[in-house]
């Protein structure tokens, strides 16, 4: 089971600060809590939904790619075997921001 986080700025998610290594995210901050990435489970590239168009009806976002990373992470200071969670992190290259978009139970 998973839950999608609330809608923010026309999209879904919660803005987070992410430190990225050569293979993907290595840690992220959600509020005052730091999470250490233990394992990169998956990553993929998405395009914006076809129904998102600007005022002129054009949809330049259709060709813009968005990276999504599914990671297993644990809050800093906690045991990975007891407190690990699975999170989907979204990289918004156009806005130069990271979003936490889904938390898997």
Protein backbone atom coordinates (compact mmCIF):
# COMPACT_ATOMS: atom_id res chain seq x y z
CA UNK A 1 0.00 0.00 0.00
CA UNK A 2 1.19 3.52 -0.67
CA UNK A 3 0.00 7.05 -0.20
CA UNK A 4 0.39 10.02 -2.49
CA UNK A 5 1.33 13.22 -0.75
CA UNK A 6 -0.74 16.41 -1.01
CA UNK A 7 -1.00 18.60 -4.07
CA UNK A 8 1.60 21.36 -4.30
CA UNK A 9 2.12 23.98 -7.02
CA UNK A 10 -0.03 22.24 -9.59
CA UNK A 11 1.62 18.89 -8.96
CA UNK A 12 1.63 16.29 -6.27
CA UNK A 13 4.24 16.11 -3.55
CA UNK A 14 6.19 17.72 -0.79
CA UNK A 15 9.37 19.64 -1.58
CA UNK A 16 12.48 18.07 -0.04
CA UNK A 17 16.22 18.74 -0.13
CA UNK A 18 18.16 15.86 -1.72
CA UNK A 19 21.88 15.13 -1.86
CA UNK A 20 22.55 13.23 -5.06
CA UNK A 21 25.52 10.97 -5.71
CA UNK A 22 26.71 9.50 -9.02
CA UNK A 23 24.10 6.72 -8.92
CA UNK A 24 21.16 8.67 -7.50
CA UNK A 25 19.93 10.14 -4.20
CA UNK A 26 22.06 9.31 -1.15
CA UNK A 27 20.12 11.24 1.49
CA UNK A 28 17.22 13.66 1.79
CA UNK A 29 15.71 16.03 4.32
CA UNK A 30 11.99 16.09 5.02
CA UNK A 31 11.35 19.00 7.34
CA UNK A 32 13.93 18.70 10.12
CA UNK A 33 14.41 14.95 9.60
CA UNK A 34 17.28 13.51 7.58
CA UNK A 35 16.82 10.20 5.77
CA UNK A 36 19.72 8.04 4.60
CA UNK A 37 19.19 6.08 1.40
CA UNK A 38 20.15 2.46 1.97
CA UNK A 39 19.19 1.09 -1.42
CA UNK A 40 18.14 2.41 -4.82
CA UNK A 41 15.19 0.18 -5.72
CA UNK A 42 14.27 1.61 -9.12
CA UNK A 43 14.39 4.70 -11.30
CA UNK A 44 12.53 5.75 -14.40
CA UNK A 45 11.79 8.73 -16.62
CA UNK A 46 8.30 10.10 -17.12
CA UNK A 47 6.81 12.75 -19.38
CA UNK A 48 4.12 15.16 -18.29
CA UNK A 49 0.50 14.04 -18.73
CA UNK A 50 -0.84 14.83 -22.20
CA UNK A 51 -3.76 16.84 -20.78
CA UNK A 52 -1.51 19.50 -19.24
CA UNK A 53 -1.43 22.37 -21.71
CA UNK A 54 -0.63 26.06 -21.45
CA UNK A 55 -3.05 28.91 -22.32
CA UNK A 56 -2.29 28.60 -26.04
CA UNK A 57 -3.11 24.90 -26.06
CA UNK A 58 0.54 23.95 -26.63
CA UNK A 59 2.10 21.25 -24.54
CA UNK A 60 5.87 21.69 -24.54
CA UNK A 61 5.93 19.68 -21.31
CA UNK A 62 5.15 16.56 -23.32
CA UNK A 63 8.78 16.30 -24.36
CA UNK A 64 10.20 17.39 -20.99
CA UNK A 65 11.35 14.39 -19.01
CA UNK A 66 11.06 13.99 -15.27
CA UNK A 67 13.21 11.60 -13.23
CA UNK A 68 11.63 9.48 -10.50
CA UNK A 69 13.72 7.50 -7.99
CA UNK A 70 12.28 4.80 -5.71
CA UNK A 71 14.54 4.42 -2.68
CA UNK A 72 14.61 2.56 0.59
CA UNK A 73 15.64 4.98 3.30
CA UNK A 74 15.78 5.24 7.06
CA UNK A 75 15.62 8.28 9.31
CA UNK A 76 19.12 9.12 10.53
CA UNK A 77 19.87 7.46 13.86
CA UNK A 78 17.38 4.64 13.41
CA UNK A 79 17.98 0.96 12.63
CA UNK A 80 17.47 0.09 8.97
CA UNK A 81 16.00 -3.31 9.79
CA UNK A 82 13.28 -1.82 12.00
CA UNK A 83 12.47 1.58 10.53
CA UNK A 84 13.21 1.58 6.79
CA UNK A 85 10.61 2.99 4.41
CA UNK A 86 10.22 3.18 0.65
CA UNK A 87 9.94 6.64 -0.92
CA UNK A 88 9.48 7.98 -4.46
CA UNK A 89 11.56 11.10 -5.10
CA UNK A 90 10.89 13.24 -8.18
CA UNK A 91 13.52 15.54 -9.75
CA UNK A 92 11.99 18.65 -11.35
CA UNK A 93 14.84 19.78 -13.62
CA UNK A 94 12.91 22.82 -14.91
CA UNK A 95 12.36 24.10 -11.36
CA UNK A 96 15.66 22.75 -10.02
CA UNK A 97 13.77 21.13 -7.12
CA UNK A 98 13.15 17.70 -5.61
CA UNK A 99 9.74 16.44 -4.50
CA UNK A 100 8.74 13.53 -2.29
CA UNK A 101 5.70 12.24 -4.18
CA UNK A 102 4.86 8.90 -2.61
CA UNK A 103 5.48 6.98 0.61
CA UNK A 104 5.02 3.20 0.43
CA UNK A 105 3.83 1.34 3.51
